[in-house]
PDB file of N, CA and C in Angstrom:
ATOM      1  N   MET A   1     -48.356  23.094 -16.585  1.00  0.00           N
ATOM      2  CA  MET A   1     -47.260  23.914 -16.357  1.00  0.00           C
ATOM      3  C   MET A   1     -46.196  23.232 -15.334  1.00  0.00           C
ATOM      4  N   SER A   2     -46.719  22.755 -14.339  1.00  0.00           N
ATOM      5  CA  SER A   2     -45.842  22.062 -13.502  1.00  0.00           C
ATOM      6  C   SER A   2     -44.843  21.158 -14.263  1.00  0.00           C
ATOM      7  N   THR A   3     -45.423  20.273 -15.190  1.00  0.00           N
ATOM      8  CA  THR A   3     -44.433  19.395 -15.789  1.00  0.00           C
ATOM      9  C   THR A   3     -43.415  20.266 -16.440  1.00  0.00           C
ATOM     10  N   THR A   4     -43.380  21.413 -16.976  1.00  0.00           N
ATOM     11  CA  THR A   4     -42.447  22.068 -17.700  1.00  0.00           C
ATOM     12  C   THR A   4     -41.369  22.705 -16.582  1.00  0.00           C
ATOM     13  N   PHE A   5     -42.012  23.011 -15.569  1.00  0.00           N
ATOM     14  CA  PHE A   5     -40.961  23.523 -14.609  1.00  0.00           C
ATOM     15  C   PHE A   5     -40.209  22.034 -13.965  1.00  0.00           C
ATOM     16  N   LYS A   6     -40.898  21.100 -13.658  1.00  0.00           N
ATOM     17  CA  LYS A   6     -40.133  19.768 -13.244  1.00  0.00           C
ATOM     18  C   LYS A   6     -39.051  19.406 -14.375  1.00  0.00           C
ATOM     19  N   ASP A   7     -39.483  19.623 -15.749  1.00  0.00           N
ATOM     20  CA  ASP A   7     -38.480  19.324 -16.900  1.00  0.00           C
ATOM     21  C   ASP A   7     -37.438  20.449 -16.838  1.00  0.00           C
ATOM     22  N   LYS A   8     -37.672  21.485 -16.566  1.00  0.00           N
ATOM     23  CA  LYS A   8     -36.544  22.654 -16.474  1.00  0.00           C
ATOM     24  C   LYS A   8     -35.644  22.243 -15.392  1.00  0.00           C
ATOM     25  N   GLN A   9     -36.170  21.846 -14.045  1.00  0.00           N
ATOM     26  CA  GLN A   9     -35.402  21.527 -13.021  1.00  0.00           C
ATOM     27  C   GLN A   9     -34.664  20.355 -13.241  1.00  0.00           C
ATOM     28  N   ARG A  10     -34.825  18.983 -13.941  1.00  0.00           N
ATOM     29  CA  ARG A  10     -34.206  18.029 -14.305  1.00  0.00           C
ATOM     30  C   ARG A  10     -33.038  18.623 -15.350  1.00  0.00           C
ATOM     31  N   ARG A  11     -33.605  19.299 -16.305  1.00  0.00           N
ATOM     32  CA  ARG A  11     -32.447  19.723 -17.158  1.00  0.00           C
ATOM     33  C   ARG A  11     -31.550  20.554 -16.539  1.00  0.00           C
ATOM     34  N   ASP A  12     -31.554  21.375 -15.548  1.00  0.00           N
ATOM     35  CA  ASP A  12     -30.659  22.067 -14.935  1.00  0.00           C
ATOM     36  C   ASP A  12     -29.863  21.359 -14.115  1.00  0.00           C
ATOM     37  N   ALA A  13     -30.303  20.038 -13.418  1.00  0.00           N
ATOM     38  CA  ALA A  13     -29.527  19.568 -12.576  1.00  0.00           C
ATOM     39  C   ALA A  13     -28.616  18.593 -13.588  1.00  0.00           C
ATOM     40  N   ALA A  14     -29.250  18.059 -14.658  1.00  0.00           N
ATOM     41  CA  ALA A  14     -28.277  17.525 -15.494  1.00  0.00           C
ATOM     42  C   ALA A  14     -27.180  18.276 -16.209  1.00  0.00           C
ATOM     43  N   MET A  15     -27.503  19.416 -16.295  1.00  0.00           N
ATOM     44  CA  MET A  15     -26.340  20.464 -16.845  1.00  0.00           C
ATOM     45  C   MET A  15     -25.292  20.736 -15.834  1.00  0.00           C
ATOM     46  N   LYS A  16     -25.579  20.653 -14.472  1.00  0.00           N
ATOM     47  CA  LYS A  16     -24.813  21.022 -13.394  1.00  0.00           C
ATOM     48  C   LYS A  16     -23.836  19.505 -13.330  1.00  0.00           C
ATOM     49  N   SER A  17     -24.577  18.295 -13.472  1.00  0.00           N
ATOM     50  CA  SER A  17     -23.921  17.325 -13.354  1.00  0.00           C
ATOM     51  C   SER A  17     -23.054  17.162 -14.455  1.00  0.00           C
ATOM     52  N   LEU A  18     -23.208  17.382 -15.721  1.00  0.00           N
ATOM     53  CA  LEU A  18     -22.474  17.479 -16.932  1.00  0.00           C
ATOM     54  C   LEU A  18     -21.146  18.541 -16.765  1.00  0.00           C
ATOM     55  N   ARG A  19     -21.583  19.607 -16.090  1.00  0.00           N
ATOM     56  CA  ARG A  19     -20.590  20.548 -15.865  1.00  0.00           C
ATOM     57  C   ARG A  19     -19.309  20.114 -14.790  1.00  0.00           C
ATOM     58  N   ARG A  20     -19.859  19.486 -13.796  1.00  0.00           N
ATOM     59  CA  ARG A  20     -18.881  18.873 -12.911  1.00  0.00           C
ATOM     60  C   ARG A  20     -18.002  17.860 -13.315  1.00  0.00           C
ATOM     61  N   LEU A  21     -18.566  16.781 -14.212  1.00  0.00           N
ATOM     62  CA  LEU A  21     -17.926  15.852 -14.813  1.00  0.00           C
ATOM     63  C   LEU A  21     -17.148  16.531 -15.907  1.00  0.00           C
ATOM     64  N   LYS A  22     -17.297  17.502 -16.461  1.00  0.00           N
ATOM     65  CA  LYS A  22     -16.561  18.100 -17.451  1.00  0.00           C
ATOM     66  C   LYS A  22     -14.996  18.607 -16.575  1.00  0.00           C
ATOM     67  N   LEU A  23     -15.475  19.391 -15.513  1.00  0.00           N
ATOM     68  CA  LEU A  23     -14.275  19.639 -15.052  1.00  0.00           C
ATOM     69  C   LEU A  23     -13.252  18.735 -14.339  1.00  0.00           C
ATOM     70  N   PHE A  24     -13.775  17.844 -13.874  1.00  0.00           N
ATOM     71  CA  PHE A  24     -13.139  16.587 -13.443  1.00  0.00           C
ATOM     72  C   PHE A  24     -12.237  16.130 -14.453  1.00  0.00           C
ATOM     73  N   TYR A  25     -12.738  15.994 -15.652  1.00  0.00           N
ATOM     74  CA  TYR A  25     -12.190  15.173 -16.686  1.00  0.00           C
ATOM     75  C   TYR A  25     -10.927  16.215 -16.958  1.00  0.00           C
ATOM     76  N   VAL A  26     -11.184  17.705 -16.957  1.00  0.00           N
ATOM     77  CA  VAL A  26     -10.044  18.631 -17.235  1.00  0.00           C
ATOM     78  C   VAL A  26      -8.913  18.559 -16.042  1.00  0.00           C
ATOM     79  N   HIS A  27      -9.377  18.260 -14.797  1.00  0.00           N
ATOM     80  CA  HIS A  27      -8.820  18.317 -13.592  1.00  0.00           C
ATOM     81  C   HIS A  27      -7.918  16.905 -13.841  1.00  0.00           C
ATOM     82  N   PHE A  28      -8.402  15.775 -14.145  1.00  0.00           N
ATOM     83  CA  PHE A  28      -7.725  14.585 -14.534  1.00  0.00           C
ATOM     84  C   PHE A  28      -6.729  14.633 -15.674  1.00  0.00           C
ATOM     85  N   VAL A  29      -6.733  15.279 -16.703  1.00  0.00           N
ATOM     86  CA  VAL A  29      -5.961  15.520 -17.638  1.00  0.00           C
ATOM     87  C   VAL A  29      -4.830  16.488 -17.168  1.00  0.00           C
ATOM     88  N   GLY A  30      -5.289  17.172 -16.500  1.00  0.00           N
ATOM     89  CA  GLY A  30      -4.058  18.308 -15.579  1.00  0.00           C
ATOM     90  C   GLY A  30      -3.375  17.402 -14.609  1.00  0.00           C
ATOM     91  N   TYR A  31      -3.770  16.441 -14.131  1.00  0.00           N
ATOM     92  CA  TYR A  31      -3.011  15.397 -13.227  1.00  0.00           C
ATOM     93  C   TYR A  31      -2.270  14.915 -13.654  1.00  0.00           C
ATOM     94  N   ILE A  32      -2.297  14.016 -14.823  1.00  0.00           N
ATOM     95  CA  ILE A  32      -1.881  13.014 -15.635  1.00  0.00           C
ATOM     96  C   ILE A  32      -0.444  13.740 -16.203  1.00  0.00           C
ATOM     97  N   VAL A  33      -0.814  14.885 -16.763  1.00  0.00           N
ATOM     98  CA  VAL A  33       0.475  15.817 -17.340  1.00  0.00           C
ATOM     99  C   VAL A  33       1.512  15.985 -16.099  1.00  0.00           C
ATOM    100  N   LEU A  34       0.814  16.561 -15.141  1.00  0.00           N
ATOM    101  CA  LEU A  34       1.885  16.851 -13.957  1.00  0.00           C
ATOM    102  C   LEU A  34       2.502  15.556 -13.433  1.00  0.00           C
ATOM    103  N   VAL A  35       1.528  14.528 -13.218  1.00  0.00           N
ATOM    104  CA  VAL A  35       2.393  13.305 -12.704  1.00  0.00           C
ATOM    105  C   VAL A  35       3.498  12.767 -13.921  1.00  0.00           C
ATOM    106  N   SER A  36       3.408  12.962 -14.959  1.00  0.00           N
ATOM    107  CA  SER A  36       4.568  12.467 -15.952  1.00  0.00           C
ATOM    108  C   SER A  36       5.607  13.281 -16.039  1.00  0.00           C
ATOM    109  N   LEU A  37       5.395  14.876 -15.836  1.00  0.00           N
ATOM    110  CA  LEU A  37       6.412  15.762 -15.578  1.00  0.00           C
ATOM    111  C   LEU A  37       7.031  15.455 -14.195  1.00  0.00           C
ATOM    112  N   ILE A  38       6.362  15.166 -13.347  1.00  0.00           N
ATOM    113  CA  ILE A  38       7.162  14.964 -11.862  1.00  0.00           C
ATOM    114  C   ILE A  38       8.068  13.784 -11.940  1.00  0.00           C
ATOM    115  N   LEU A  39       7.501  12.721 -12.590  1.00  0.00           N
ATOM    116  CA  LEU A  39       8.276  11.430 -12.871  1.00  0.00           C
ATOM    117  C   LEU A  39       9.439  11.846 -13.537  1.00  0.00           C
ATOM    118  N   TYR A  40       9.235  12.422 -14.588  1.00  0.00           N
ATOM    119  CA  TYR A  40      10.477  12.681 -15.443  1.00  0.00           C
ATOM    120  C   TYR A  40      11.582  13.695 -14.511  1.00  0.00           C
ATOM    121  N   ASN A  41      11.040  14.400 -13.795  1.00  0.00           N
ATOM    122  CA  ASN A  41      11.938  15.425 -13.066  1.00  0.00           C
ATOM    123  C   ASN A  41      12.478  14.483 -11.931  1.00  0.00           C
ATOM    124  N   LEU A  42      11.866  13.568 -11.423  1.00  0.00           N
ATOM    125  CA  LEU A  42      12.734  12.559 -10.548  1.00  0.00           C
ATOM    126  C   LEU A  42      13.654  11.679 -11.274  1.00  0.00           C
ATOM    127  N   TYR A  43      13.553  11.476 -12.469  1.00  0.00           N
ATOM    128  CA  TYR A  43      14.372  10.867 -13.130  1.00  0.00           C
ATOM    129  C   TYR A  43      15.740  11.715 -13.319  1.00  0.00           C
ATOM    130  N   ILE A  44      15.527  12.752 -13.744  1.00  0.00           N
ATOM    131  CA  ILE A  44      16.734  13.469 -14.079  1.00  0.00           C
ATOM    132  C   ILE A  44      17.369  14.753 -13.036  1.00  0.00           C
ATOM    133  N   VAL A  45      16.728  14.646 -11.985  1.00  0.00           N
ATOM    134  CA  VAL A  45      17.365  15.423 -11.138  1.00  0.00           C
ATOM    135  C   VAL A  45      18.526  15.026 -10.470  1.00  0.00           C
ATOM    136  N   GLN A  46      19.643  16.419 -10.327  1.00  0.00           N
ATOM    137  CA  GLN A  46      20.862  15.998  -9.982  1.00  0.00           C
ATOM    138  C   GLN A  46      21.126  17.114  -8.849  1.00  0.00           C
ATOM    139  N   GLY A  47      22.546  17.321  -8.397  1.00  0.00           N
ATOM    140  CA  GLY A  47      22.814  18.251  -7.642  1.00  0.00           C
ATOM    141  C   GLY A  47      22.723  18.352  -6.197  1.00  0.00           C
ATOM    142  N   GLU A  48      23.142  19.460  -5.501  1.00  0.00           N
ATOM    143  CA  GLU A  48      23.205  19.312  -3.866  1.00  0.00           C
ATOM    144  C   GLU A  48      21.823  19.482  -3.573  1.00  0.00           C
ATOM    145  N   TYR A  49      20.738  20.292  -4.405  1.00  0.00           N
ATOM    146  CA  TYR A  49      19.368  20.279  -3.742  1.00  0.00           C
ATOM    147  C   TYR A  49      18.634  19.070  -4.084  1.00  0.00           C
ATOM    148  N   LYS A  50      19.140  17.999  -4.465  1.00  0.00           N
ATOM    149  CA  LYS A  50      18.194  16.566  -5.035  1.00  0.00           C
ATOM    150  C   LYS A  50      17.437  16.246  -4.001  1.00  0.00           C
ATOM    151  N   ASP A  51      17.867  16.286  -2.665  1.00  0.00           N
ATOM    152  CA  ASP A  51      16.964  15.745  -1.746  1.00  0.00           C
ATOM    153  C   ASP A  51      15.585  16.599  -1.615  1.00  0.00           C
ATOM    154  N   ASN A  52      15.861  18.033  -1.647  1.00  0.00           N
ATOM    155  CA  ASN A  52      14.887  19.055  -1.311  1.00  0.00           C
ATOM    156  C   ASN A  52      13.652  18.844  -2.420  1.00  0.00           C
ATOM    157  N   ILE A  53      14.307  18.586  -3.766  1.00  0.00           N
ATOM    158  CA  ILE A  53      13.499  18.781  -5.091  1.00  0.00           C
ATOM    159  C   ILE A  53      12.566  17.394  -5.198  1.00  0.00           C
ATOM    160  N   ILE A  54      13.300  16.417  -4.626  1.00  0.00           N
ATOM    161  CA  ILE A  54      12.432  15.252  -4.604  1.00  0.00           C
ATOM    162  C   ILE A  54      11.260  15.079  -3.535  1.00  0.00           C
ATOM    163  N   ALA A  55      11.696  15.695  -2.291  1.00  0.00           N
ATOM    164  CA  ALA A  55      10.865  15.835  -1.264  1.00  0.00           C
ATOM    165  C   ALA A  55       9.569  16.522  -1.740  1.00  0.00           C
ATOM    166  N   LEU A  56       9.880  17.820  -2.463  1.00  0.00           N
ATOM    167  CA  LEU A  56       8.798  18.762  -2.932  1.00  0.00           C
ATOM    168  C   LEU A  56       7.917  17.948  -3.921  1.00  0.00           C
ATOM    169  N   ASN A  57       8.567  17.437  -4.803  1.00  0.00           N
ATOM    170  CA  ASN A  57       7.765  16.619  -5.870  1.00  0.00           C
ATOM    171  C   ASN A  57       6.866  15.509  -5.262  1.00  0.00           C
ATOM    172  N   ILE A  58       7.262  14.845  -4.040  1.00  0.00           N
ATOM    173  CA  ILE A  58       6.657  13.634  -3.776  1.00  0.00           C
ATOM    174  C   ILE A  58       5.504  14.318  -2.970  1.00  0.00           C
ATOM    175  N   ILE A  59       5.742  15.558  -2.007  1.00  0.00           N
ATOM    176  CA  ILE A  59       4.653  16.076  -1.529  1.00  0.00           C
ATOM    177  C   ILE A  59       3.533  16.688  -2.601  1.00  0.00           C
ATOM    178  N   THR A  60       3.874  17.199  -3.513  1.00  0.00           N
ATOM    179  CA  THR A  60       3.052  17.678  -4.610  1.00  0.00           C
ATOM    180  C   THR A  60       2.102  16.498  -5.226  1.00  0.00           C
ATOM    181  N   LEU A  61       2.874  15.339  -5.457  1.00  0.00           N
ATOM    182  CA  LEU A  61       2.164  14.182  -6.112  1.00  0.00           C
ATOM    183  C   LEU A  61       1.176  13.751  -4.948  1.00  0.00           C
ATOM    184  N   VAL A  62       1.480  13.637  -3.656  1.00  0.00           N
ATOM    185  CA  VAL A  62       0.739  13.189  -2.579  1.00  0.00           C
ATOM    186  C   VAL A  62      -0.638  14.064  -2.320  1.00  0.00           C
ATOM    187  N   LEU A  63      -0.578  15.570  -2.316  1.00  0.00           N
ATOM    188  CA  LEU A  63      -1.655  16.403  -2.151  1.00  0.00           C
ATOM    189  C   LEU A  63      -2.492  16.360  -3.500  1.00  0.00           C
ATOM    190  N   TRP A  64      -2.002  16.393  -4.904  1.00  0.00           N
ATOM    191  CA  TRP A  64      -2.679  16.426  -5.729  1.00  0.00           C
ATOM    192  C   TRP A  64      -3.575  15.102  -5.881  1.00  0.00           C
ATOM    193  N   THR A  65      -2.854  14.003  -5.615  1.00  0.00           N
ATOM    194  CA  THR A  65      -3.603  12.763  -5.740  1.00  0.00           C
ATOM    195  C   THR A  65      -4.778  12.774  -4.692  1.00  0.00           C
ATOM    196  N   MET A  66      -4.563  13.250  -3.498  1.00  0.00           N
ATOM    197  CA  MET A  66      -5.578  13.502  -2.507  1.00  0.00           C
ATOM    198  C   MET A  66      -6.850  14.564  -3.074  1.00  0.00           C
ATOM    199  N   PHE A  67      -6.312  15.490  -3.641  1.00  0.00           N
ATOM    200  CA  PHE A  67      -7.472  16.401  -4.008  1.00  0.00           C
ATOM    201  C   PHE A  67      -8.243  15.533  -5.475  1.00  0.00           C
ATOM    202  N   ILE A  68      -7.342  15.007  -6.282  1.00  0.00           N
ATOM    203  CA  ILE A  68      -8.061  14.362  -7.380  1.00  0.00           C
ATOM    204  C   ILE A  68      -8.981  13.270  -6.734  1.00  0.00           C
ATOM    205  N   SER A  69      -8.628  12.771  -5.930  1.00  0.00           N
ATOM    206  CA  SER A  69      -9.816  11.508  -5.346  1.00  0.00           C
ATOM    207  C   SER A  69     -10.645  12.207  -4.567  1.00  0.00           C
ATOM    208  N   LEU A  70     -10.426  13.197  -3.802  1.00  0.00           N
ATOM    209  CA  LEU A  70     -11.865  13.986  -3.334  1.00  0.00           C
ATOM    210  C   LEU A  70     -12.451  14.664  -4.416  1.00  0.00           C
ATOM    211  N   HIS A  71     -12.150  14.981  -5.451  1.00  0.00           N
ATOM    212  CA  HIS A  71     -13.013  15.328  -6.708  1.00  0.00           C
ATOM    213  C   HIS A  71     -13.626  14.341  -7.321  1.00  0.00           C
ATOM    214  N   ALA A  72     -12.988  13.390  -7.526  1.00  0.00           N
ATOM    215  CA  ALA A  72     -13.642  12.080  -8.149  1.00  0.00           C
ATOM    216  C   ALA A  72     -14.932  11.577  -7.183  1.00  0.00           C
ATOM    217  N   TRP A  73     -14.349  11.683  -5.969  1.00  0.00           N
ATOM    218  CA  TRP A  73     -15.662  11.067  -4.956  1.00  0.00           C
ATOM    219  C   TRP A  73     -17.071  12.055  -5.007  1.00  0.00           C
ATOM    220  N   ARG A  74     -16.599  13.213  -4.966  1.00  0.00           N
ATOM    221  CA  ARG A  74     -17.641  14.387  -5.190  1.00  0.00           C
ATOM    222  C   ARG A  74     -18.425  14.142  -6.413  1.00  0.00           C
ATOM    223  N   VAL A  75     -17.684  13.991  -7.760  1.00  0.00           N
ATOM    224  CA  VAL A  75     -18.527  14.048  -8.931  1.00  0.00           C
ATOM    225  C   VAL A  75     -19.132  12.280  -8.957  1.00  0.00           C
ATOM    226  N   PHE A  76     -18.290  11.330  -8.784  1.00  0.00           N
ATOM    227  CA  PHE A  76     -19.186   9.896  -8.808  1.00  0.00           C
ATOM    228  C   PHE A  76     -19.793   9.595  -7.619  1.00  0.00           C
ATOM    229  N   LYS A  77     -20.159  10.328  -6.572  1.00  0.00           N
ATOM    230  CA  LYS A  77     -20.565   9.573  -5.495  1.00  0.00           C
ATOM    231  C   LYS A  77     -21.775   8.868  -5.548  1.00  0.00           C
ATOM    232  N   GLY A  78     -22.563   9.240  -6.480  1.00  0.00           N
ATOM    233  CA  GLY A  78     -23.882   8.412  -6.569  1.00  0.00           C
ATOM    234  C   GLY A  78     -23.778   7.413  -7.560  1.00  0.00           C
ATOM    235  N   ARG A  79     -22.742   7.312  -8.389  1.00  0.00           N
ATOM    236  CA  ARG A  79     -22.503   6.452  -9.657  1.00  0.00           C
ATOM    237  C   ARG A  79     -21.357   5.506  -9.015  1.00  0.00           C
ATOM    238  N   LEU A  80     -21.751   4.262  -8.687  1.00  0.00           N
ATOM    239  CA  LEU A  80     -20.421   3.346  -8.443  1.00  0.00           C
ATOM    240  C   LEU A  80     -20.580   2.509  -9.789  1.00  0.00           C
ATOM    241  N   LEU A  81     -19.546   1.596  -9.882  1.00  0.00           N
ATOM    242  CA  LEU A  81     -19.383   0.939 -10.969  1.00  0.00           C
ATOM    243  C   LEU A  81     -20.671  -0.034 -11.138  1.00  0.00           C
ATOM    244  N   PHE A  82     -21.153  -0.634 -10.275  1.00  0.00           N
ATOM    245  CA  PHE A  82     -22.413  -1.616 -10.277  1.00  0.00           C
ATOM    246  C   PHE A  82     -23.414  -0.683  -9.197  1.00  0.00           C
ATOM    247  N   SER A  83     -24.039  -0.043  -9.637  1.00  0.00           N
ATOM    248  CA  SER A  83     -25.067   0.506  -8.842  1.00  0.00           C
ATOM    249  C   SER A  83     -26.353   0.046  -8.798  1.00  0.00           C
ATOM    250  N   LYS A  84     -27.369   0.073  -7.916  1.00  0.00           N
ATOM    251  CA  LYS A  84     -28.462  -0.569  -7.741  1.00  0.00           C
ATOM    252  C   LYS A  84     -29.424  -0.453  -8.855  1.00  0.00           C
ATOM    253  N   ARG A  85     -29.483   0.768  -9.525  1.00  0.00           N
ATOM    254  CA  ARG A  85     -30.243   0.732 -10.933  1.00  0.00           C
ATOM    255  C   ARG A  85     -29.631  -0.224 -11.884  1.00  0.00           C
ATOM    256  N   TRP A  86     -28.588  -0.261 -12.143  1.00  0.00           N
ATOM    257  CA  TRP A  86     -27.836  -1.298 -13.085  1.00  0.00           C
ATOM    258  C   TRP A  86     -28.084  -2.865 -12.552  1.00  0.00           C
ATOM    259  N   GLU A  87     -27.822  -2.880 -11.454  1.00  0.00           N
ATOM    260  CA  GLU A  87     -28.368  -4.378 -10.937  1.00  0.00           C
ATOM    261  C   GLU A  87     -29.951  -4.702 -11.230  1.00  0.00           C
ATOM    262  N   GLU A  88     -30.676  -3.752 -10.814  1.00  0.00           N
ATOM    263  CA  GLU A  88     -32.205  -4.040 -11.280  1.00  0.00           C
ATOM    264  C   GLU A  88     -32.238  -4.067 -12.930  1.00  0.00           C
ATOM    265  N   LYS A  89     -31.589  -3.195 -13.582  1.00  0.00           N
ATOM    266  CA  LYS A  89     -31.973  -3.385 -15.041  1.00  0.00           C
ATOM    267  C   LYS A  89     -31.343  -5.013 -15.481  1.00  0.00           C
ATOM    268  N   LYS A  90     -30.066  -5.304 -15.116  1.00  0.00           N
ATOM    269  CA  LYS A  90     -29.603  -6.569 -15.437  1.00  0.00           C
ATOM    270  C   LYS A  90     -30.360  -7.586 -15.027  1.00  0.00           C
ATOM    271  N   MET A  91     -31.214  -7.487 -13.606  1.00  0.00           N
ATOM    272  CA  MET A  91     -32.056  -8.502 -13.275  1.00  0.00           C
ATOM    273  C   MET A  91     -33.312  -8.825 -14.228  1.00  0.00           C
ATOM    274  N   SER A  92     -33.660  -7.641 -14.445  1.00  0.00           N
ATOM    275  CA  SER A  92     -35.023  -7.725 -15.114  1.00  0.00           C
ATOM    276  C   SER A  92     -34.937  -8.162 -16.919  1.00  0.00           C
ATOM    277  N   THR A  93     -33.423  -8.031 -17.175  1.00  0.00           N
ATOM    278  CA  THR A  93     -32.829  -8.412 -18.521  1.00  0.00           C
ATOM    279  C   THR A  93     -32.648 -10.356 -18.536  1.00  0.00           C
ATOM    280  N   TYR A  94     -31.985 -10.332 -17.311  1.00  0.00           N
ATOM    281  CA  TYR A  94     -31.955 -12.036 -17.178  1.00  0.00           C
ATOM    282  C   TYR A  94     -33.284 -12.576 -16.808  1.00  0.00           C
ATOM    283  N   LEU A  95     -34.099 -11.923 -16.257  1.00  0.00           N
ATOM    284  CA  LEU A  95     -35.531 -12.639 -16.166  1.00  0.00           C
ATOM    285  C   LEU A  95     -36.290 -12.786 -17.168  1.00  0.00           C
ATOM    286  N   SER A  96     -36.109 -11.682 -18.008  1.00  0.00           N
ATOM    287  CA  SER A  96     -36.991 -11.847 -19.472  1.00  0.00           C
ATOM    288  C   SER A  96     -36.389 -12.992 -20.573  1.00  0.00           C
ATOM    289  N   GLN A  97     -34.985 -12.999 -20.440  1.00  0.00           N
ATOM    290  CA  GLN A  97     -34.258 -13.832 -21.176  1.00  0.00           C
ATOM    291  C   GLN A  97     -34.741 -15.422 -20.541  1.00  0.00           C
ATOM    292  N   ASN A  98     -34.603 -15.765 -19.176  1.00  0.00           N
ATOM    293  CA  ASN A  98     -35.196 -17.046 -18.606  1.00  0.00           C
ATOM    294  C   ASN A  98     -36.466 -17.266 -19.345  1.00  0.00           C
ATOM    295  N   GLU A  99     -37.279 -16.025 -19.073  1.00  0.00           N
ATOM    296  CA  GLU A  99     -38.989 -16.525 -19.327  1.00  0.00           C
ATOM    297  C   GLU A  99     -39.162 -17.109 -20.950  1.00  0.00           C
ATOM    298  N   THR A 100     -38.259 -15.903 -21.929  1.00  0.00           N
ATOM    299  CA  THR A 100     -38.315 -16.516 -23.427  1.00  0.00           C
ATOM    300  C   THR A 100     -37.712 -17.801 -23.592  1.00  0.00           C
ATOM    301  N   THR A 101     -36.802 -18.325 -22.738  1.00  0.00           N
ATOM    302  CA  THR A 101     -36.127 -19.849 -23.005  1.00  0.00           C
ATOM    303  C   THR A 101     -37.163 -20.752 -22.574  1.00  0.00           C
ATOM    304  N   GLU A 102     -37.896 -20.452 -21.440  1.00  0.00           N
ATOM    305  CA  GLU A 102     -38.683 -21.486 -20.755  1.00  0.00           C
ATOM    306  C   GLU A 102     -39.886 -21.810 -21.839  1.00  0.00           C
ATOM    307  N   LYS A 103     -40.336 -20.494 -22.463  1.00  0.00           N
ATOM    308  CA  LYS A 103     -41.431 -20.560 -23.263  1.00  0.00           C
ATOM    309  C   LYS A 103     -41.075 -21.335 -24.813  1.00  0.00           C
ATOM    310  N   ALA A 104     -39.702 -21.105 -24.913  1.00  0.00           N
ATOM    311  CA  ALA A 104     -39.441 -21.977 -26.246  1.00  0.00           C
ATOM    312  C   ALA A 104     -39.043 -23.235 -25.979  1.00  0.00           C
ATOM    313  N   GLU A 105     -38.821 -23.451 -24.753  1.00  0.00           N
ATOM    314  CA  GLU A 105     -38.587 -25.074 -24.482  1.00  0.00           C
ATOM    315  C   GLU A 105     -40.078 -25.816 -24.143  1.00  0.00           C
ATOM    316  N   LYS A 106     -41.072 -25.072 -23.876  1.00  0.00           N
ATOM    317  CA  LYS A 106     -42.315 -25.685 -23.771  1.00  0.00           C
ATOM    318  C   LYS A 106     -43.043 -25.753 -25.060  1.00  0.00           C
ATOM    319  N   GLN A 107     -42.573 -25.034 -26.004  1.00  0.00           N
ATOM    320  CA  GLN A 107     -43.321 -25.082 -27.376  1.00  0.00           C
ATOM    321  C   GLN A 107     -42.565 -26.460 -27.990  1.00  0.00           C
ATOM    322  N   GLU A 108     -41.294 -26.483 -27.879  1.00  0.00           N
ATOM    323  CA  GLU A 108     -40.781 -27.723 -28.334  1.00  0.00           C
ATOM    324  C   GLU A 108     -41.263 -29.085 -28.060  1.00  0.00           C
TER     325      GLU A 108
END
């Protein structure tokens, strides 16, 4: 019975991580859309309030970039590009390849 409870806990944790990842991707798509619209707005802005509009757009870009960075940090904090688990897996792969190469050389 404890194994089913542990499996349920693992499944719940995986579902929670998956939900966070989905929300991050939605947030990131919204960020990309906003950045493209603001950059277009900076390109076409004219008039007497040009400086105010530019300042507001830049403040929005900076703040949302900070928020998306914090969101990414929260979602991916345990998974860097080259995590320890990845390094260990690659190391074992290389070691097994070396062993098979050495065995093949000894047989010749």
